[in-house]
Amino acid sequence: HHLLPFCLSSGFCMFVLSLVKKHYRLQFYMFGWTHVTLLIVVTQSHLIIHNLFEGMIWFIVPISCVICNDIMAYMFGFFFGRTPLIKLSPKKTWEGFIGGFFATVLFGLLLSYVMSGYRCFTCPVEFNNDTNSFTVDCEPSELFQLQEYNIPLVLQSVVGWKTVRMYPFQIHSIALSTFASLIGPFGGFFASGFKRAFKIKDFANTIPGHGGIMDRFDCQYLMATFVNVYIASFIRGPNPSKLIQQFLTLRPDQQLHIFNTLKAHLVDKGMLGSLEDA
């Protein structure tokens, strides 16, 4: 699959061969537009698919946090906004930016609590060798099991509790909602600056009064990258089912070598004897 898209690089050769004198600037202008669009749309879509395979919750919560921040920043800015935030977007205010941050973090905690209780949202997509199909059914990992946490002494006097039961994923949702609130809006500012550079108001007019589809996702395109990096850095670990699939694709002599190596390792640890006795 990776090789097939790479073969499309022949389009680069076609572009060079199609260059026409006195039209170089226009052709490179359109070439740049094409690659910026691919970077914003295709790359993010690719990462979103990867996030979906880790579980629907890794897609819904980040996207919802960005939407919540966009709405709440507008609401706080509309009612309390006084201080301009950035010249690229004169209507954006510090009051809306800060209010949207706290509202988004709270929303992320509540949404994560609700979704963590459903396997259809938390289970990753895995390939079932028996049915030869993909399944979304599993025993919830520790990330989606209620655990008891001690509340810091400073907050105990305020809330009146010593402990609180919550899902570990809710702690991760704070990181997701924080990024959606502090860094996500800069995706919108980037799009605003990009449009101003070309003296256009919106990318298109597909949605009357709101611009095109790209205008609705200008704050989203950083989120997919962050979630993918976050999962790879702090969440994703060795997957036994994927290892077994790779193991079964090896040649018999390679499988036997791995088996003997694993057996020797388990014997050294004293685990194999206990398993045989059992």
C-alpha atoms as a PDB file:
ATOM      1  CA  HIS A   1       0.000   0.000   0.000  1.00  0.00           C
ATOM      2  CA  HIS A   2       2.861   2.374   0.742  1.00  0.00           C
ATOM      3  CA  LEU A   3       4.613   1.457  -2.496  1.00  0.00           C
ATOM      4  CA  LEU A   4       1.577   2.203  -4.677  1.00  0.00           C
ATOM      5  CA  PRO A   5       1.192   5.842  -3.546  1.00  0.00           C
ATOM      6  CA  PHE A   6       4.946   6.297  -3.903  1.00  0.00           C
ATOM      7  CA  CYS A   7       4.657   5.229  -7.533  1.00  0.00           C
ATOM      8  CA  LEU A   8       2.508   8.325  -8.024  1.00  0.00           C
ATOM      9  CA  SER A   9       5.730  10.314  -7.647  1.00  0.00           C
ATOM     10  CA  SER A  10       5.874   9.909 -11.421  1.00  0.00           C
ATOM     11  CA  GLY A  11       3.530  12.905 -11.343  1.00  0.00           C
ATOM     12  CA  PHE A  12       6.545  14.955 -10.248  1.00  0.00           C
ATOM     13  CA  CYS A  13       8.317  13.986 -13.449  1.00  0.00           C
ATOM     14  CA  MET A  14       5.225  14.887 -15.448  1.00  0.00           C
ATOM     15  CA  PHE A  15       5.099  18.276 -13.714  1.00  0.00           C
ATOM     16  CA  VAL A  16       8.694  19.043 -14.650  1.00  0.00           C
ATOM     17  CA  LEU A  17       8.094  17.962 -18.246  1.00  0.00           C
ATOM     18  CA  SER A  18       4.977  20.125 -18.450  1.00  0.00           C
ATOM     19  CA  LEU A  19       6.743  23.369 -17.465  1.00  0.00           C
ATOM     20  CA  VAL A  20       6.091  26.026 -20.086  1.00  0.00           C
ATOM     21  CA  LYS A  21       8.114  29.174 -20.631  1.00  0.00           C
ATOM     22  CA  LYS A  22       6.459  32.385 -19.304  1.00  0.00           C
ATOM     23  CA  HIS A  23       4.166  30.288 -17.075  1.00  0.00           C
ATOM     24  CA  TYR A  24       6.721  28.999 -14.575  1.00  0.00           C
ATOM     25  CA  ARG A  25       5.467  31.150 -11.708  1.00  0.00           C
ATOM     26  CA  LEU A  26       1.823  30.167 -12.145  1.00  0.00           C
ATOM     27  CA  GLN A  27       2.705  26.481 -12.440  1.00  0.00           C
ATOM     28  CA  PHE A  28       4.839  26.495  -9.286  1.00  0.00           C
ATOM     29  CA  TYR A  29       2.115  28.516  -7.568  1.00  0.00           C
ATOM     30  CA  MET A  30      -0.408  25.763  -8.294  1.00  0.00           C
ATOM     31  CA  PHE A  31       2.197  23.113  -7.394  1.00  0.00           C
ATOM     32  CA  GLY A  32       2.594  24.724  -3.958  1.00  0.00           C
ATOM     33  CA  TRP A  33      -1.175  24.920  -3.426  1.00  0.00           C
ATOM     34  CA  THR A  34      -1.483  21.229  -4.249  1.00  0.00           C
ATOM     35  CA  HIS A  35       1.120  20.170  -1.704  1.00  0.00           C
ATOM     36  CA  VAL A  36      -0.210  22.395   1.071  1.00  0.00           C
ATOM     37  CA  THR A  37      -3.664  20.892   0.522  1.00  0.00           C
ATOM     38  CA  LEU A  38      -2.229  17.371   0.594  1.00  0.00           C
ATOM     39  CA  LEU A  39      -0.345  18.153   3.811  1.00  0.00           C
ATOM     40  CA  ILE A  40      -3.414  19.527   5.551  1.00  0.00           C
ATOM     41  CA  VAL A  41      -5.985  17.026   4.275  1.00  0.00           C
ATOM     42  CA  VAL A  42      -4.338  13.741   3.280  1.00  0.00           C
ATOM     43  CA  THR A  43      -1.701  13.561   6.022  1.00  0.00           C
ATOM     44  CA  GLN A  44      -4.221  14.333   8.743  1.00  0.00           C
ATOM     45  CA  SER A  45      -6.710  11.828   7.318  1.00  0.00           C
ATOM     46  CA  HIS A  46      -3.990   9.165   7.332  1.00  0.00           C
ATOM     47  CA  LEU A  47      -3.215   9.836  11.002  1.00  0.00           C
ATOM     48  CA  ILE A  48      -6.901   9.915  11.913  1.00  0.00           C
ATOM     49  CA  ILE A  49      -7.300   6.390  10.494  1.00  0.00           C
ATOM     50  CA  HIS A  50      -4.383   5.236  12.652  1.00  0.00           C
ATOM     51  CA  ASN A  51      -6.022   6.825  15.703  1.00  0.00           C
ATOM     52  CA  LEU A  52      -9.335   5.114  14.914  1.00  0.00           C
ATOM     53  CA  PHE A  53      -7.659   1.706  15.007  1.00  0.00           C
ATOM     54  CA  GLU A  54      -6.612   2.429  18.592  1.00  0.00           C
ATOM     55  CA  GLY A  55     -10.269   2.885  19.557  1.00  0.00           C
ATOM     56  CA  MET A  56     -13.079   5.262  18.662  1.00  0.00           C
ATOM     57  CA  ILE A  57     -12.488   7.206  21.870  1.00  0.00           C
ATOM     58  CA  TRP A  58      -9.139   8.432  20.529  1.00  0.00           C
ATOM     59  CA  PHE A  59     -10.998  10.012  17.614  1.00  0.00           C
ATOM     60  CA  ILE A  60     -14.202  11.318  19.214  1.00  0.00           C
ATOM     61  CA  VAL A  61     -12.741  12.928  22.343  1.00  0.00           C
ATOM     62  CA  PRO A  62     -10.022  15.026  20.607  1.00  0.00           C
ATOM     63  CA  ILE A  63     -12.346  16.132  17.807  1.00  0.00           C
ATOM     64  CA  SER A  64     -15.081  16.989  20.301  1.00  0.00           C
ATOM     65  CA  CYS A  65     -12.635  18.979  22.448  1.00  0.00           C
ATOM     66  CA  VAL A  66     -11.670  21.123  19.451  1.00  0.00           C
ATOM     67  CA  ILE A  67     -15.341  21.719  18.597  1.00  0.00           C
ATOM     68  CA  CYS A  68     -16.134  22.549  22.238  1.00  0.00           C
ATOM     69  CA  ASN A  69     -13.229  24.968  22.452  1.00  0.00           C
ATOM     70  CA  ASP A  70     -14.305  26.699  19.247  1.00  0.00           C
ATOM     71  CA  ILE A  71     -17.850  27.167  20.568  1.00  0.00           C
ATOM     72  CA  MET A  72     -16.963  28.124  24.145  1.00  0.00           C
ATOM     73  CA  ALA A  73     -14.215  30.540  23.078  1.00  0.00           C
ATOM     74  CA  TYR A  74     -16.821  32.282  20.924  1.00  0.00           C
ATOM     75  CA  MET A  75     -19.348  32.353  23.780  1.00  0.00           C
ATOM     76  CA  PHE A  76     -16.904  33.716  26.373  1.00  0.00           C
ATOM     77  CA  GLY A  77     -15.548  36.195  23.853  1.00  0.00           C
ATOM     78  CA  PHE A  78     -19.044  37.353  22.903  1.00  0.00           C
ATOM     79  CA  PHE A  79     -20.160  38.018  26.497  1.00  0.00           C
ATOM     80  CA  PHE A  80     -16.885  38.934  28.238  1.00  0.00           C
ATOM     81  CA  GLY A  81     -14.388  39.698  25.451  1.00  0.00           C
ATOM     82  CA  ARG A  82     -12.528  42.989  25.809  1.00  0.00           C
ATOM     83  CA  THR A  83      -8.841  42.317  25.099  1.00  0.00           C
ATOM     84  CA  PRO A  84      -7.797  41.409  21.510  1.00  0.00           C
ATOM     85  CA  LEU A  85      -5.743  38.220  21.284  1.00  0.00           C
ATOM     86  CA  ILE A  86      -4.083  38.311  17.865  1.00  0.00           C
ATOM     87  CA  LYS A  87      -4.129  40.729  14.929  1.00  0.00           C
ATOM     88  CA  LEU A  88      -4.757  37.952  12.401  1.00  0.00           C
ATOM     89  CA  SER A  89      -8.206  37.397  13.960  1.00  0.00           C
ATOM     90  CA  PRO A  90      -9.404  40.715  15.446  1.00  0.00           C
ATOM     91  CA  LYS A  91     -12.555  39.125  16.904  1.00  0.00           C
ATOM     92  CA  LYS A  92     -10.581  36.647  19.050  1.00  0.00           C
ATOM     93  CA  THR A  93     -10.046  37.818  22.651  1.00  0.00           C
ATOM     94  CA  TRP A  94      -8.030  36.710  25.663  1.00  0.00           C
ATOM     95  CA  GLU A  95     -11.233  36.300  27.672  1.00  0.00           C
ATOM     96  CA  GLY A  96     -12.588  33.873  25.087  1.00  0.00           C
ATOM     97  CA  PHE A  97      -9.248  32.041  24.845  1.00  0.00           C
ATOM     98  CA  ILE A  98      -8.968  31.505  28.625  1.00  0.00           C
ATOM     99  CA  GLY A  99     -12.659  30.748  29.141  1.00  0.00           C
ATOM    100  CA  GLY A 100     -12.629  28.255  26.302  1.00  0.00           C
ATOM    101  CA  PHE A 101      -9.611  26.524  27.867  1.00  0.00           C
ATOM    102  CA  PHE A 102     -11.282  25.821  31.220  1.00  0.00           C
ATOM    103  CA  ALA A 103     -14.585  24.869  29.599  1.00  0.00           C
ATOM    104  CA  THR A 104     -12.833  22.444  27.224  1.00  0.00           C
ATOM    105  CA  VAL A 105     -10.855  20.722  30.003  1.00  0.00           C
ATOM    106  CA  LEU A 106     -14.052  20.216  31.996  1.00  0.00           C
ATOM    107  CA  PHE A 107     -15.890  18.967  28.909  1.00  0.00           C
ATOM    108  CA  GLY A 108     -13.051  16.542  28.110  1.00  0.00           C
ATOM    109  CA  LEU A 109     -13.191  15.056  31.624  1.00  0.00           C
ATOM    110  CA  LEU A 110     -16.966  14.533  31.471  1.00  0.00           C
ATOM    111  CA  LEU A 111     -17.011  13.117  27.935  1.00  0.00           C
ATOM    112  CA  SER A 112     -14.119  10.754  28.736  1.00  0.00           C
ATOM    113  CA  TYR A 113     -15.926   9.484  31.836  1.00  0.00           C
ATOM    114  CA  VAL A 114     -19.048   8.663  29.819  1.00  0.00           C
ATOM    115  CA  MET A 115     -17.276   7.032  26.865  1.00  0.00           C
ATOM    116  CA  SER A 116     -14.778   5.014  28.936  1.00  0.00           C
ATOM    117  CA  GLY A 117     -17.605   2.773  30.135  1.00  0.00           C
ATOM    118  CA  TYR A 118     -18.431   1.433  26.659  1.00  0.00           C
ATOM    119  CA  ARG A 119     -16.296  -1.200  24.948  1.00  0.00           C
ATOM    120  CA  CYS A 120     -17.388  -0.099  21.479  1.00  0.00           C
ATOM    121  CA  PHE A 121     -15.497   3.163  22.087  1.00  0.00           C
ATOM    122  CA  THR A 122     -12.474   1.896  24.022  1.00  0.00           C
ATOM    123  CA  CYS A 123     -11.557  -1.362  22.251  1.00  0.00           C
ATOM    124  CA  PRO A 124      -8.978  -1.173  19.461  1.00  0.00           C
ATOM    125  CA  VAL A 125      -9.684  -2.688  16.071  1.00  0.00           C
ATOM    126  CA  GLU A 126      -8.009  -6.105  15.830  1.00  0.00           C
ATOM    127  CA  PHE A 127      -7.888  -8.790  13.195  1.00  0.00           C
ATOM    128  CA  ASN A 128      -9.552 -12.085  14.167  1.00  0.00           C
ATOM    129  CA  ASN A 129      -7.844 -15.062  12.519  1.00  0.00           C
ATOM    130  CA  ASP A 130     -10.810 -17.345  13.246  1.00  0.00           C
ATOM    131  CA  THR A 131     -13.409 -15.240  11.471  1.00  0.00           C
ATOM    132  CA  ASN A 132     -10.932 -13.626   9.055  1.00  0.00           C
ATOM    133  CA  SER A 133     -12.339 -10.188   9.837  1.00  0.00           C
ATOM    134  CA  PHE A 134     -11.748  -7.150  11.992  1.00  0.00           C
ATOM    135  CA  THR A 135     -13.408  -7.058  15.424  1.00  0.00           C
ATOM    136  CA  VAL A 136     -13.989  -4.425  18.080  1.00  0.00           C
ATOM    137  CA  ASP A 137     -14.374  -6.485  21.235  1.00  0.00           C
ATOM    138  CA  CYS A 138     -11.946  -6.837  24.121  1.00  0.00           C
ATOM    139  CA  GLU A 139     -11.468  -6.804  27.852  1.00  0.00           C
ATOM    140  CA  PRO A 140     -11.041  -3.136  28.820  1.00  0.00           C
ATOM    141  CA  SER A 141      -7.436  -2.269  29.539  1.00  0.00           C
ATOM    142  CA  GLU A 142      -6.372  -0.605  32.780  1.00  0.00           C
ATOM    143  CA  LEU A 143      -6.740   2.688  30.977  1.00  0.00           C
ATOM    144  CA  PHE A 144     -10.518   2.213  30.966  1.00  0.00           C
ATOM    145  CA  GLN A 145     -11.063   0.695  34.421  1.00  0.00           C
ATOM    146  CA  LEU A 146     -12.145   2.833  37.365  1.00  0.00           C
ATOM    147  CA  GLN A 147      -9.363   3.458  39.857  1.00  0.00           C
ATOM    148  CA  GLU A 148      -9.134   5.376  43.101  1.00  0.00           C
ATOM    149  CA  TYR A 149      -6.868   8.423  43.287  1.00  0.00           C
ATOM    150  CA  ASN A 150      -5.884  10.507  46.311  1.00  0.00           C
ATOM    151  CA  ILE A 151      -6.808  14.172  46.082  1.00  0.00           C
ATOM    152  CA  PRO A 152      -3.955  16.602  46.934  1.00  0.00           C
ATOM    153  CA  LEU A 153      -4.174  18.017  50.472  1.00  0.00           C
ATOM    154  CA  VAL A 154      -4.565  21.550  49.099  1.00  0.00           C
ATOM    155  CA  LEU A 155      -7.805  20.577  47.330  1.00  0.00           C
ATOM    156  CA  GLN A 156      -9.201  18.291  50.028  1.00  0.00           C
ATOM    157  CA  SER A 157     -10.310  21.245  52.134  1.00  0.00           C
ATOM    158  CA  VAL A 158     -12.047  22.775  49.109  1.00  0.00           C
ATOM    159  CA  VAL A 159     -13.924  19.758  47.717  1.00  0.00           C
ATOM    160  CA  GLY A 160     -14.282  17.870  51.006  1.00  0.00           C
ATOM    161  CA  TRP A 161     -13.111  14.543  49.501  1.00  0.00           C
ATOM    162  CA  LYS A 162      -9.958  12.565  50.186  1.00  0.00           C
ATOM    163  CA  THR A 163     -10.168  10.250  47.190  1.00  0.00           C
ATOM    164  CA  VAL A 164     -11.911  10.182  43.845  1.00  0.00           C
ATOM    165  CA  ARG A 165     -12.731   7.320  41.480  1.00  0.00           C
ATOM    166  CA  MET A 166     -12.018   8.013  37.839  1.00  0.00           C
ATOM    167  CA  TYR A 167     -10.726   6.389  34.672  1.00  0.00           C
ATOM    168  CA  PRO A 168      -7.000   6.791  33.915  1.00  0.00           C
ATOM    169  CA  PHE A 169      -8.029   7.903  30.428  1.00  0.00           C
ATOM    170  CA  GLN A 170      -9.561  10.997  32.007  1.00  0.00           C
ATOM    171  CA  ILE A 171      -6.072  12.087  33.030  1.00  0.00           C
ATOM    172  CA  HIS A 172      -4.937  11.683  29.437  1.00  0.00           C
ATOM    173  CA  SER A 173      -7.998  13.636  28.312  1.00  0.00           C
ATOM    174  CA  ILE A 174      -6.624  16.636  30.218  1.00  0.00           C
ATOM    175  CA  ALA A 175      -3.568  16.586  27.959  1.00  0.00           C
ATOM    176  CA  LEU A 176      -5.774  16.233  24.855  1.00  0.00           C
ATOM    177  CA  SER A 177      -8.149  19.030  25.861  1.00  0.00           C
ATOM    178  CA  THR A 178      -5.234  21.281  26.883  1.00  0.00           C
ATOM    179  CA  PHE A 179      -3.652  20.892  23.457  1.00  0.00           C
ATOM    180  CA  ALA A 180      -7.033  21.466  21.782  1.00  0.00           C
ATOM    181  CA  SER A 181      -7.448  24.686  23.792  1.00  0.00           C
ATOM    182  CA  LEU A 182      -3.944  26.167  23.692  1.00  0.00           C
ATOM    183  CA  ILE A 183      -2.418  24.945  20.414  1.00  0.00           C
ATOM    184  CA  GLY A 184      -5.483  23.958  18.367  1.00  0.00           C
ATOM    185  CA  PRO A 185      -6.698  27.562  17.868  1.00  0.00           C
ATOM    186  CA  PHE A 186      -3.367  28.425  16.277  1.00  0.00           C
ATOM    187  CA  GLY A 187      -4.349  26.125  13.432  1.00  0.00           C
ATOM    188  CA  GLY A 188      -7.207  28.544  12.823  1.00  0.00           C
ATOM    189  CA  PHE A 189      -4.856  31.523  13.107  1.00  0.00           C
ATOM    190  CA  PHE A 190      -2.511  29.861  10.622  1.00  0.00           C
ATOM    191  CA  ALA A 191      -5.390  29.379   8.183  1.00  0.00           C
ATOM    192  CA  SER A 192      -6.448  33.011   8.677  1.00  0.00           C
ATOM    193  CA  GLY A 193      -2.945  34.241   7.894  1.00  0.00           C
ATOM    194  CA  PHE A 194      -2.744  31.940   4.901  1.00  0.00           C
ATOM    195  CA  LYS A 195      -6.009  33.295   3.520  1.00  0.00           C
ATOM    196  CA  ARG A 196      -4.973  36.903   4.157  1.00  0.00           C
ATOM    197  CA  ALA A 197      -1.697  36.291   2.321  1.00  0.00           C
ATOM    198  CA  PHE A 198      -3.716  35.452  -0.795  1.00  0.00           C
ATOM    199  CA  LYS A 199      -6.358  38.107  -0.068  1.00  0.00           C
ATOM    200  CA  ILE A 200      -9.266  35.685   0.207  1.00  0.00           C
ATOM    201  CA  LYS A 201     -11.905  35.499   2.914  1.00  0.00           C
ATOM    202  CA  ASP A 202     -12.650  31.764   2.813  1.00  0.00           C
ATOM    203  CA  PHE A 203     -11.213  28.707   1.109  1.00  0.00           C
ATOM    204  CA  ALA A 204     -14.528  28.134  -0.682  1.00  0.00           C
ATOM    205  CA  ASN A 205     -18.256  28.924  -0.447  1.00  0.00           C
ATOM    206  CA  THR A 206     -19.645  25.399  -0.034  1.00  0.00           C
ATOM    207  CA  ILE A 207     -21.398  26.327   3.241  1.00  0.00           C
ATOM    208  CA  PRO A 208     -23.189  29.692   2.898  1.00  0.00           C
ATOM    209  CA  GLY A 209     -21.843  32.150   5.453  1.00  0.00           C
ATOM    210  CA  HIS A 210     -19.198  29.741   6.782  1.00  0.00           C
ATOM    211  CA  GLY A 211     -16.899  29.176   3.816  1.00  0.00           C
ATOM    212  CA  GLY A 212     -15.823  25.764   2.574  1.00  0.00           C
ATOM    213  CA  ILE A 213     -15.172  22.411   4.187  1.00  0.00           C
ATOM    214  CA  MET A 214     -11.543  23.402   4.828  1.00  0.00           C
ATOM    215  CA  ASP A 215     -12.730  26.426   6.813  1.00  0.00           C
ATOM    216  CA  ARG A 216     -14.573  24.131   9.234  1.00  0.00           C
ATOM    217  CA  PHE A 217     -11.487  22.028   9.894  1.00  0.00           C
ATOM    218  CA  ASP A 218      -8.767  24.654  10.164  1.00  0.00           C
ATOM    219  CA  CYS A 219      -8.513  24.076  13.940  1.00  0.00           C
ATOM    220  CA  GLN A 220      -8.592  20.290  13.568  1.00  0.00           C
ATOM    221  CA  TYR A 221      -5.610  19.584  11.386  1.00  0.00           C
ATOM    222  CA  LEU A 222      -3.034  19.810  14.206  1.00  0.00           C
ATOM    223  CA  MET A 223      -5.057  17.567  16.491  1.00  0.00           C
ATOM    224  CA  ALA A 224      -4.679  14.330  14.552  1.00  0.00           C
ATOM    225  CA  THR A 225      -0.896  14.659  14.546  1.00  0.00           C
ATOM    226  CA  PHE A 226      -0.762  15.359  18.281  1.00  0.00           C
ATOM    227  CA  VAL A 227      -3.027  12.427  19.171  1.00  0.00           C
ATOM    228  CA  ASN A 228      -0.991  10.065  17.000  1.00  0.00           C
ATOM    229  CA  VAL A 229       2.288  11.205  18.594  1.00  0.00           C
ATOM    230  CA  TYR A 230       0.725  11.060  22.077  1.00  0.00           C
ATOM    231  CA  ILE A 231      -0.464   7.474  21.581  1.00  0.00           C
ATOM    232  CA  ALA A 232       2.927   6.397  20.227  1.00  0.00           C
ATOM    233  CA  SER A 233       4.752   8.107  23.127  1.00  0.00           C
ATOM    234  CA  PHE A 234       2.631   7.239  26.157  1.00  0.00           C
ATOM    235  CA  ILE A 235      -0.059   4.683  25.288  1.00  0.00           C
ATOM    236  CA  ARG A 236       0.842   2.147  22.630  1.00  0.00           C
ATOM    237  CA  GLY A 237       2.770  -0.915  23.793  1.00  0.00           C
ATOM    238  CA  PRO A 238       3.583  -4.349  22.360  1.00  0.00           C
ATOM    239  CA  ASN A 239       0.457  -5.953  20.909  1.00  0.00           C
ATOM    240  CA  PRO A 240       0.413  -9.765  21.393  1.00  0.00           C
ATOM    241  CA  SER A 241      -2.069 -10.394  18.567  1.00  0.00           C
ATOM    242  CA  LYS A 242       0.030  -8.427  16.062  1.00  0.00           C
ATOM    243  CA  LEU A 243       3.191 -10.216  17.187  1.00  0.00           C
ATOM    244  CA  ILE A 244       1.514 -13.586  16.680  1.00  0.00           C
ATOM    245  CA  GLN A 245       0.357 -12.556  13.185  1.00  0.00           C
ATOM    246  CA  GLN A 246       3.915 -11.599  12.272  1.00  0.00           C
ATOM    247  CA  PHE A 247       5.239 -14.794  13.856  1.00  0.00           C
ATOM    248  CA  LEU A 248       2.922 -16.954  11.739  1.00  0.00           C
ATOM    249  CA  THR A 249       4.099 -15.306   8.520  1.00  0.00           C
ATOM    250  CA  LEU A 250       7.705 -16.375   9.127  1.00  0.00           C
ATOM    251  CA  ARG A 251       9.312 -19.472   7.651  1.00  0.00           C
ATOM    252  CA  PRO A 252       9.137 -22.666   9.788  1.00  0.00           C
ATOM    253  CA  ASP A 253      12.861 -22.520  10.623  1.00  0.00           C
ATOM    254  CA  GLN A 254      12.510 -18.898  11.761  1.00  0.00           C
ATOM    255  CA  GLN A 255       9.480 -19.792  13.904  1.00  0.00           C
ATOM    256  CA  LEU A 256      11.435 -22.660  15.481  1.00  0.00           C
ATOM    257  CA  HIS A 257      14.362 -20.346  16.244  1.00  0.00           C
ATOM    258  CA  ILE A 258      12.075 -17.844  17.974  1.00  0.00           C
ATOM    259  CA  PHE A 259      10.371 -20.659  19.887  1.00  0.00           C
ATOM    260  CA  ASN A 260      13.686 -22.019  21.191  1.00  0.00           C
ATOM    261  CA  THR A 261      14.882 -18.539  22.123  1.00  0.00           C
ATOM    262  CA  LEU A 262      11.654 -17.797  24.011  1.00  0.00           C
ATOM    263  CA  LYS A 263      11.772 -21.207  25.707  1.00  0.00           C
ATOM    264  CA  ALA A 264      15.347 -20.635  26.902  1.00  0.00           C
ATOM    265  CA  HIS A 265      14.373 -17.184  28.204  1.00  0.00           C
ATOM    266  CA  LEU A 266      11.392 -18.560  30.153  1.00  0.00           C
ATOM    267  CA  VAL A 267      13.485 -21.396  31.611  1.00  0.00           C
ATOM    268  CA  ASP A 268      16.118 -18.907  32.827  1.00  0.00           C
ATOM    269  CA  LYS A 269      13.387 -16.914  34.548  1.00  0.00           C
ATOM    270  CA  GLY A 270      11.921 -20.049  36.124  1.00  0.00           C
ATOM    271  CA  MET A 271       8.520 -19.487  34.526  1.00  0.00           C
ATOM    272  CA  LEU A 272       8.412 -22.461  32.169  1.00  0.00           C
ATOM    273  CA  GLY A 273       8.781 -25.043  34.926  1.00  0.00           C
ATOM    274  CA  SER A 274       5.895 -23.575  36.881  1.00  0.00           C
ATOM    275  CA  LEU A 275       3.715 -23.574  33.767  1.00  0.00           C
ATOM    276  CA  GLU A 276       4.535 -27.201  33.013  1.00  0.00           C
ATOM    277  CA  ASP A 277       3.742 -28.202  36.624  1.00  0.00           C
ATOM    278  CA  ALA A 278       0.404 -26.423  36.381  1.00  0.00           C
END
